[in-house]
Amino acid sequence: MNHWTPQLLAASKRLRPLADRLVVSRIEYKHPTLSVVGITIQKGLVIAAGPGKERRRKTRFDGPQGKCLWFEDGELLNKPRHPMPFKVGDCVEFSPRGLIEFDFEGLPLLMVWAKACYGTTNDSASEALLWQTPGGYDKDGKNFMSGADLYI
């Protein structure tokens, strides 16, 4: 299924997200097996990707009770950026938390952090990257259910 429209192609050429952010066009999708209340996974097409996260010097913070934390908030290092794990045209599954919804010339788009994406997948409205796979024996304890029948 091709989700690229002339409007998306034009937006892809004009939008340039910063750092490790993606501009995503949402694909209507319901996860086929995930049935946990309060957890939703969304799918979308990457139409623009940032250049990647800049590398910064790590700063040590000594907290209470001898705990040490490291923050990446020091000065910029003169090193290449962290590589972007996704590229334009990828179809990704992502968390709905922390995203920004916006309209660009009448197109509803999303700004998503690369770290909020679970991975690349296909653009099917019914197939999923993440599955709830059953494993174990049936209620009688005789037959092992491996979950392999889900992937036939």
N, C-alpha and C. Protein backbone atom coordinates (compact mmCIF):
# COMPACT_ATOMS: atom_id res chain seq x y z
N MET A 1 0.85 -1.17 0.00
CA MET A 1 0.00 0.00 0.00
C MET A 1 0.90 1.24 0.00
N ASN A 2 0.67 2.14 -0.93
CA ASN A 2 1.49 3.34 -1.03
C ASN A 2 0.78 4.50 -0.35
N HIS A 3 1.40 5.04 0.69
CA HIS A 3 0.80 6.14 1.45
C HIS A 3 1.33 7.50 1.01
N TRP A 4 2.25 7.52 0.03
CA TRP A 4 2.82 8.79 -0.42
C TRP A 4 1.83 9.50 -1.32
N THR A 5 1.44 10.70 -0.93
CA THR A 5 0.58 11.55 -1.74
C THR A 5 1.41 12.73 -2.23
N PRO A 6 0.95 13.47 -3.22
CA PRO A 6 1.71 14.66 -3.65
C PRO A 6 1.93 15.66 -2.51
N GLN A 7 0.95 15.78 -1.60
CA GLN A 7 1.11 16.69 -0.47
C GLN A 7 2.22 16.22 0.47
N LEU A 8 2.29 14.90 0.71
CA LEU A 8 3.35 14.37 1.57
C LEU A 8 4.72 14.53 0.93
N LEU A 9 4.80 14.33 -0.38
CA LEU A 9 6.08 14.52 -1.07
C LEU A 9 6.55 15.96 -0.96
N ALA A 10 5.62 16.92 -1.13
CA ALA A 10 5.98 18.33 -1.02
C ALA A 10 6.41 18.67 0.41
N ALA A 11 5.69 18.14 1.40
CA ALA A 11 6.04 18.38 2.80
C ALA A 11 7.39 17.76 3.13
N SER A 12 7.68 16.59 2.56
CA SER A 12 8.94 15.91 2.81
C SER A 12 10.13 16.74 2.34
N LYS A 13 9.95 17.48 1.26
CA LYS A 13 11.03 18.31 0.74
C LYS A 13 11.22 19.59 1.53
N ARG A 14 10.18 20.04 2.23
CA ARG A 14 10.26 21.33 2.93
C ARG A 14 10.54 21.22 4.42
N LEU A 15 10.21 20.10 5.04
CA LEU A 15 10.39 19.95 6.50
C LEU A 15 11.79 19.42 6.82
N ARG A 16 12.42 20.00 7.82
CA ARG A 16 13.73 19.56 8.30
C ARG A 16 13.73 19.55 9.82
N PRO A 17 13.41 18.40 10.42
CA PRO A 17 13.43 18.33 11.89
C PRO A 17 14.85 18.44 12.44
N LEU A 18 14.93 18.82 13.70
CA LEU A 18 16.22 18.96 14.37
C LEU A 18 16.61 17.68 15.09
N ALA A 19 17.90 17.52 15.30
CA ALA A 19 18.48 16.45 16.12
C ALA A 19 17.93 15.08 15.74
N ASP A 20 17.44 14.31 16.72
CA ASP A 20 16.97 12.95 16.47
C ASP A 20 15.45 12.90 16.48
N ARG A 21 14.84 13.80 15.77
CA ARG A 21 13.38 13.83 15.66
C ARG A 21 12.95 13.40 14.27
N LEU A 22 11.73 12.86 14.19
CA LEU A 22 11.15 12.42 12.93
C LEU A 22 9.83 13.13 12.71
N VAL A 23 9.51 13.45 11.48
CA VAL A 23 8.17 13.90 11.13
C VAL A 23 7.48 12.70 10.51
N VAL A 24 6.33 12.32 11.09
CA VAL A 24 5.65 11.09 10.73
C VAL A 24 4.22 11.40 10.32
N SER A 25 3.78 10.74 9.27
CA SER A 25 2.37 10.78 8.87
C SER A 25 1.72 9.51 9.40
N ARG A 26 0.70 9.66 10.22
CA ARG A 26 0.08 8.52 10.89
C ARG A 26 -0.65 7.62 9.88
N ILE A 27 -0.51 6.32 10.07
CA ILE A 27 -1.26 5.33 9.30
C ILE A 27 -2.31 4.76 10.23
N GLU A 28 -3.57 4.79 9.81
CA GLU A 28 -4.64 4.24 10.65
C GLU A 28 -4.39 2.75 10.84
N TYR A 29 -4.43 2.33 12.11
CA TYR A 29 -3.95 1.00 12.41
C TYR A 29 -4.43 0.58 13.79
N LYS A 30 -4.86 -0.67 13.91
CA LYS A 30 -5.20 -1.25 15.21
C LYS A 30 -4.35 -2.49 15.37
N HIS A 31 -3.63 -2.56 16.46
CA HIS A 31 -2.74 -3.70 16.70
C HIS A 31 -3.59 -4.97 16.80
N PRO A 32 -3.23 -6.03 16.07
CA PRO A 32 -4.08 -7.22 16.02
C PRO A 32 -4.15 -8.03 17.31
N THR A 33 -3.11 -8.02 18.13
CA THR A 33 -3.14 -8.86 19.31
C THR A 33 -2.91 -8.13 20.61
N LEU A 34 -2.34 -6.94 20.57
CA LEU A 34 -2.03 -6.24 21.82
C LEU A 34 -3.32 -5.78 22.47
N SER A 35 -3.59 -6.29 23.64
CA SER A 35 -4.86 -5.99 24.30
C SER A 35 -4.66 -5.54 25.74
N VAL A 36 -3.58 -4.85 26.01
CA VAL A 36 -3.32 -4.35 27.35
C VAL A 36 -3.99 -2.99 27.48
N VAL A 37 -4.78 -2.82 28.51
CA VAL A 37 -5.49 -1.57 28.69
C VAL A 37 -4.50 -0.44 28.93
N GLY A 38 -4.69 0.67 28.23
CA GLY A 38 -3.84 1.84 28.42
C GLY A 38 -2.60 1.86 27.57
N ILE A 39 -2.30 0.77 26.86
CA ILE A 39 -1.14 0.74 25.99
C ILE A 39 -1.61 0.70 24.55
N THR A 40 -1.20 1.70 23.81
CA THR A 40 -1.51 1.72 22.38
C THR A 40 -0.22 1.89 21.62
N ILE A 41 -0.16 1.29 20.46
CA ILE A 41 0.98 1.44 19.58
C ILE A 41 0.46 2.05 18.30
N GLN A 42 1.18 3.01 17.78
CA GLN A 42 0.77 3.66 16.55
C GLN A 42 1.77 3.37 15.47
N LYS A 43 1.32 3.49 14.23
CA LYS A 43 2.17 3.23 13.09
C LYS A 43 2.15 4.44 12.18
N GLY A 44 3.28 4.74 11.57
CA GLY A 44 3.33 5.89 10.69
C GLY A 44 4.45 5.80 9.67
N LEU A 45 4.38 6.68 8.69
CA LEU A 45 5.35 6.76 7.62
C LEU A 45 6.27 7.95 7.88
N VAL A 46 7.57 7.71 7.89
CA VAL A 46 8.54 8.78 8.14
C VAL A 46 8.65 9.62 6.87
N ILE A 47 8.30 10.90 6.96
CA ILE A 47 8.40 11.77 5.78
C ILE A 47 9.59 12.73 5.89
N ALA A 48 10.15 12.91 7.08
CA ALA A 48 11.36 13.72 7.25
C ALA A 48 12.09 13.24 8.50
N ALA A 49 13.41 13.24 8.42
CA ALA A 49 14.22 12.79 9.56
C ALA A 49 15.32 13.80 9.83
N GLY A 50 15.61 14.01 11.10
CA GLY A 50 16.68 14.92 11.49
C GLY A 50 18.04 14.32 11.21
N PRO A 51 19.10 15.11 11.40
CA PRO A 51 20.45 14.64 11.10
C PRO A 51 21.03 13.68 12.14
N GLY A 52 20.41 13.56 13.30
CA GLY A 52 20.93 12.71 14.37
C GLY A 52 21.29 13.55 15.58
N LYS A 53 21.47 12.88 16.71
CA LYS A 53 21.74 13.56 17.97
C LYS A 53 23.20 13.99 18.05
N GLU A 54 23.42 15.21 18.51
CA GLU A 54 24.79 15.70 18.68
C GLU A 54 25.44 15.01 19.89
N ARG A 55 26.73 14.86 19.81
CA ARG A 55 27.47 14.27 20.93
C ARG A 55 27.91 15.38 21.86
N ARG A 56 27.64 15.19 23.14
CA ARG A 56 28.03 16.17 24.16
C ARG A 56 28.90 15.47 25.20
N ARG A 57 29.70 16.27 25.85
CA ARG A 57 30.52 15.74 26.93
C ARG A 57 29.61 15.35 28.09
N LYS A 58 29.89 14.21 28.69
CA LYS A 58 29.08 13.75 29.81
C LYS A 58 29.57 14.40 31.09
N THR A 59 28.62 14.85 31.89
CA THR A 59 28.91 15.54 33.14
C THR A 59 28.49 14.65 34.30
N ARG A 60 29.36 14.50 35.26
CA ARG A 60 29.08 13.65 36.42
C ARG A 60 28.34 14.46 37.48
N PHE A 61 27.33 13.81 38.07
CA PHE A 61 26.59 14.41 39.18
C PHE A 61 26.58 13.40 40.31
N ASP A 62 27.16 13.77 41.45
CA ASP A 62 27.16 12.90 42.61
C ASP A 62 25.93 13.20 43.45
N GLY A 63 25.03 12.26 43.47
CA GLY A 63 23.78 12.44 44.20
C GLY A 63 23.88 11.97 45.63
N PRO A 64 22.75 11.96 46.32
CA PRO A 64 22.74 11.50 47.72
C PRO A 64 23.04 10.01 47.81
N GLN A 65 23.55 9.61 48.94
CA GLN A 65 23.84 8.22 49.26
C GLN A 65 24.84 7.60 48.30
N GLY A 66 25.76 8.42 47.78
CA GLY A 66 26.83 7.91 46.94
C GLY A 66 26.43 7.51 45.54
N LYS A 67 25.22 7.86 45.10
CA LYS A 67 24.79 7.50 43.75
C LYS A 67 25.39 8.49 42.76
N CYS A 68 25.85 7.96 41.65
CA CYS A 68 26.46 8.79 40.61
C CYS A 68 25.60 8.74 39.36
N LEU A 69 25.27 9.90 38.82
CA LEU A 69 24.51 9.99 37.58
C LEU A 69 25.35 10.70 36.54
N TRP A 70 25.16 10.35 35.28
CA TRP A 70 25.86 11.02 34.19
C TRP A 70 24.84 11.70 33.30
N PHE A 71 25.06 12.97 33.01
CA PHE A 71 24.18 13.74 32.14
C PHE A 71 24.96 14.14 30.90
N GLU A 72 24.29 14.11 29.78
CA GLU A 72 24.93 14.54 28.54
C GLU A 72 24.58 16.00 28.30
N ASP A 73 25.06 16.87 29.16
CA ASP A 73 24.73 18.29 29.02
C ASP A 73 25.96 19.18 29.05
N GLY A 74 27.11 18.59 28.81
CA GLY A 74 28.33 19.38 28.75
C GLY A 74 28.47 20.06 27.39
N GLU A 75 29.67 20.57 27.11
CA GLU A 75 29.85 21.25 25.84
C GLU A 75 29.82 20.25 24.68
N LEU A 76 29.56 20.78 23.49
CA LEU A 76 29.53 19.94 22.29
C LEU A 76 30.91 19.40 21.99
N LEU A 77 30.96 18.14 21.58
CA LEU A 77 32.22 17.54 21.19
C LEU A 77 32.38 17.67 19.68
N ASN A 78 33.58 17.77 19.24
CA ASN A 78 33.84 17.88 17.82
C ASN A 78 33.93 16.48 17.22
N LYS A 79 32.81 15.76 17.27
CA LYS A 79 32.73 14.39 16.77
C LYS A 79 31.47 14.27 15.92
N PRO A 80 31.40 13.24 15.10
CA PRO A 80 30.19 13.05 14.28
C PRO A 80 28.97 12.81 15.17
N ARG A 81 27.81 13.16 14.65
CA ARG A 81 26.56 12.93 15.37
C ARG A 81 26.29 11.44 15.51
N HIS A 82 25.42 11.09 16.48
CA HIS A 82 24.94 9.72 16.57
C HIS A 82 24.14 9.45 15.30
N PRO A 83 24.31 8.31 14.67
CA PRO A 83 23.58 8.06 13.42
C PRO A 83 22.08 7.93 13.67
N MET A 84 21.31 8.39 12.72
CA MET A 84 19.86 8.31 12.81
C MET A 84 19.43 6.88 12.47
N PRO A 85 18.64 6.22 13.33
CA PRO A 85 18.28 4.83 13.06
C PRO A 85 17.19 4.66 12.00
N PHE A 86 16.51 5.75 11.62
CA PHE A 86 15.42 5.68 10.64
C PHE A 86 15.67 6.65 9.51
N LYS A 87 15.13 6.32 8.35
CA LYS A 87 15.30 7.20 7.20
C LYS A 87 13.93 7.50 6.59
N VAL A 88 13.89 8.48 5.71
CA VAL A 88 12.65 8.85 5.04
C VAL A 88 12.14 7.65 4.25
N GLY A 89 10.85 7.37 4.39
CA GLY A 89 10.23 6.24 3.70
C GLY A 89 10.03 5.03 4.59
N ASP A 90 10.70 4.98 5.74
CA ASP A 90 10.50 3.86 6.67
C ASP A 90 9.10 3.93 7.28
N CYS A 91 8.54 2.78 7.54
CA CYS A 91 7.28 2.70 8.27
C CYS A 91 7.64 2.25 9.68
N VAL A 92 7.26 3.03 10.70
CA VAL A 92 7.69 2.77 12.06
C VAL A 92 6.50 2.58 12.99
N GLU A 93 6.70 1.78 14.02
CA GLU A 93 5.74 1.68 15.12
C GLU A 93 6.32 2.49 16.27
N PHE A 94 5.48 3.29 16.92
CA PHE A 94 5.98 4.20 17.94
C PHE A 94 4.99 4.37 19.07
N SER A 95 5.50 4.86 20.18
CA SER A 95 4.68 5.12 21.36
C SER A 95 3.93 6.43 21.16
N PRO A 96 2.70 6.52 21.65
CA PRO A 96 1.95 7.77 21.51
C PRO A 96 2.37 8.83 22.53
N ARG A 97 3.24 8.48 23.46
CA ARG A 97 3.64 9.43 24.50
C ARG A 97 4.76 10.33 24.01
N GLY A 98 4.67 11.60 24.35
CA GLY A 98 5.73 12.53 24.05
C GLY A 98 5.78 13.02 22.62
N LEU A 99 4.76 12.73 21.84
CA LEU A 99 4.79 13.22 20.47
C LEU A 99 4.05 14.55 20.36
N ILE A 100 4.32 15.28 19.32
CA ILE A 100 3.69 16.58 19.08
C ILE A 100 2.89 16.48 17.80
N GLU A 101 1.61 16.79 17.88
CA GLU A 101 0.76 16.80 16.68
C GLU A 101 0.72 18.22 16.14
N PHE A 102 0.85 18.35 14.82
CA PHE A 102 0.77 19.67 14.20
C PHE A 102 0.23 19.53 12.78
N ASP A 103 -0.27 20.64 12.24
CA ASP A 103 -0.75 20.69 10.87
C ASP A 103 0.27 21.43 10.03
N PHE A 104 0.60 20.87 8.88
CA PHE A 104 1.49 21.53 7.94
C PHE A 104 0.77 21.60 6.61
N GLU A 105 0.34 22.78 6.25
CA GLU A 105 -0.41 23.03 5.02
C GLU A 105 -1.61 22.09 4.91
N GLY A 106 -2.32 21.93 6.01
CA GLY A 106 -3.53 21.11 6.02
C GLY A 106 -3.29 19.62 6.25
N LEU A 107 -2.04 19.19 6.35
CA LEU A 107 -1.73 17.78 6.61
C LEU A 107 -1.54 17.55 8.10
N PRO A 108 -2.25 16.60 8.71
CA PRO A 108 -1.99 16.29 10.12
C PRO A 108 -0.72 15.45 10.23
N LEU A 109 0.30 15.97 10.90
CA LEU A 109 1.57 15.28 11.04
C LEU A 109 1.96 15.18 12.50
N LEU A 110 2.96 14.35 12.78
CA LEU A 110 3.45 14.13 14.14
C LEU A 110 4.95 14.35 14.19
N MET A 111 5.42 14.93 15.28
CA MET A 111 6.85 15.05 15.55
C MET A 111 7.16 14.00 16.63
N VAL A 112 8.02 13.05 16.30
CA VAL A 112 8.30 11.91 17.18
C VAL A 112 9.80 11.83 17.42
N TRP A 113 10.20 11.58 18.65
CA TRP A 113 11.61 11.33 18.96
C TRP A 113 11.99 9.96 18.41
N ALA A 114 13.19 9.81 17.92
CA ALA A 114 13.65 8.52 17.41
C ALA A 114 13.64 7.46 18.51
N LYS A 115 13.92 7.87 19.76
CA LYS A 115 13.94 6.88 20.85
C LYS A 115 12.54 6.38 21.22
N ALA A 116 11.49 7.03 20.73
CA ALA A 116 10.12 6.58 21.00
C ALA A 116 9.65 5.56 19.97
N CYS A 117 10.46 5.28 18.96
CA CYS A 117 10.10 4.31 17.93
C CYS A 117 10.59 2.92 18.33
N TYR A 118 9.73 1.93 18.13
CA TYR A 118 10.09 0.55 18.47
C TYR A 118 10.88 -0.11 17.36
N GLY A 119 10.66 0.30 16.13
CA GLY A 119 11.38 -0.29 15.00
C GLY A 119 10.62 -0.08 13.71
N THR A 120 11.21 -0.57 12.62
CA THR A 120 10.56 -0.44 11.33
C THR A 120 9.69 -1.65 11.07
N THR A 121 8.66 -1.46 10.29
CA THR A 121 7.71 -2.51 9.98
C THR A 121 7.17 -2.26 8.58
N ASN A 122 6.19 -3.03 8.17
CA ASN A 122 5.57 -2.75 6.87
C ASN A 122 4.40 -1.80 7.06
N ASP A 123 3.79 -1.36 5.97
CA ASP A 123 2.73 -0.37 6.09
C ASP A 123 1.33 -0.99 6.11
N SER A 124 1.24 -2.26 6.47
CA SER A 124 -0.05 -2.92 6.55
C SER A 124 -0.87 -2.36 7.71
N ALA A 125 -2.18 -2.31 7.51
CA ALA A 125 -3.06 -1.81 8.56
C ALA A 125 -3.36 -2.89 9.59
N SER A 126 -2.95 -4.14 9.33
CA SER A 126 -3.29 -5.21 10.27
C SER A 126 -2.08 -5.98 10.80
N GLU A 127 -0.94 -5.93 10.13
CA GLU A 127 0.24 -6.66 10.61
C GLU A 127 1.03 -5.78 11.56
N ALA A 128 1.73 -6.43 12.48
CA ALA A 128 2.42 -5.67 13.53
C ALA A 128 3.84 -6.16 13.73
N LEU A 129 4.67 -5.27 14.27
CA LEU A 129 6.03 -5.60 14.63
C LEU A 129 6.08 -6.30 15.98
N LEU A 130 5.32 -5.78 16.95
CA LEU A 130 5.30 -6.32 18.30
C LEU A 130 4.09 -7.23 18.47
N TRP A 131 4.30 -8.43 18.97
CA TRP A 131 3.24 -9.41 19.14
C TRP A 131 3.18 -9.86 20.59
N GLN A 132 1.99 -10.22 21.04
CA GLN A 132 1.85 -10.93 22.29
C GLN A 132 1.85 -12.41 21.92
N THR A 133 2.94 -13.08 22.18
CA THR A 133 3.07 -14.46 21.76
C THR A 133 2.75 -15.39 22.93
N PRO A 134 1.79 -16.30 22.74
CA PRO A 134 1.53 -17.26 23.81
C PRO A 134 2.66 -18.27 23.89
N GLY A 135 2.91 -18.76 25.05
CA GLY A 135 3.92 -19.78 25.23
C GLY A 135 3.58 -20.59 26.46
N GLY A 136 3.72 -21.88 26.36
CA GLY A 136 3.43 -22.73 27.50
C GLY A 136 2.48 -23.84 27.11
N TYR A 137 1.96 -24.51 28.09
CA TYR A 137 1.08 -25.65 27.84
C TYR A 137 -0.38 -25.22 27.91
N ASP A 138 -1.24 -25.99 27.23
CA ASP A 138 -2.66 -25.68 27.26
C ASP A 138 -3.22 -26.00 28.65
N LYS A 139 -4.52 -25.76 28.85
CA LYS A 139 -5.10 -25.91 30.19
C LYS A 139 -5.07 -27.34 30.72
N ASP A 140 -4.96 -28.33 29.81
CA ASP A 140 -4.86 -29.72 30.26
C ASP A 140 -3.43 -30.13 30.55
N GLY A 141 -2.46 -29.29 30.17
CA GLY A 141 -1.07 -29.59 30.42
C GLY A 141 -0.47 -30.60 29.48
N LYS A 142 -1.12 -30.85 28.35
CA LYS A 142 -0.64 -31.87 27.42
C LYS A 142 0.09 -31.29 26.21
N ASN A 143 -0.47 -30.28 25.61
CA ASN A 143 0.07 -29.76 24.35
C ASN A 143 0.80 -28.45 24.58
N PHE A 144 2.04 -28.38 24.08
CA PHE A 144 2.80 -27.15 24.21
C PHE A 144 2.39 -26.19 23.10
N MET A 145 2.05 -24.97 23.48
CA MET A 145 1.64 -23.95 22.50
C MET A 145 2.82 -22.99 22.32
N SER A 146 3.52 -23.14 21.21
CA SER A 146 4.73 -22.34 21.00
C SER A 146 4.42 -20.95 20.47
N GLY A 147 3.27 -20.77 19.87
CA GLY A 147 2.95 -19.50 19.25
C GLY A 147 3.36 -19.46 17.80
N ALA A 148 3.97 -20.53 17.28
CA ALA A 148 4.43 -20.56 15.89
C ALA A 148 3.28 -20.47 14.91
N ASP A 149 2.09 -20.89 15.32
CA ASP A 149 0.95 -20.84 14.41
C ASP A 149 0.55 -19.40 14.09
N LEU A 150 0.99 -18.43 14.88
CA LEU A 150 0.67 -17.03 14.59
C LEU A 150 1.43 -16.51 13.38
N TYR A 151 2.56 -17.11 13.05
CA TYR A 151 3.43 -16.58 12.00
C TYR A 151 3.32 -17.33 10.69
N ILE A 152 2.31 -18.15 10.54
CA ILE A 152 2.15 -18.94 9.30
C ILE A 152 1.63 -18.04 8.20
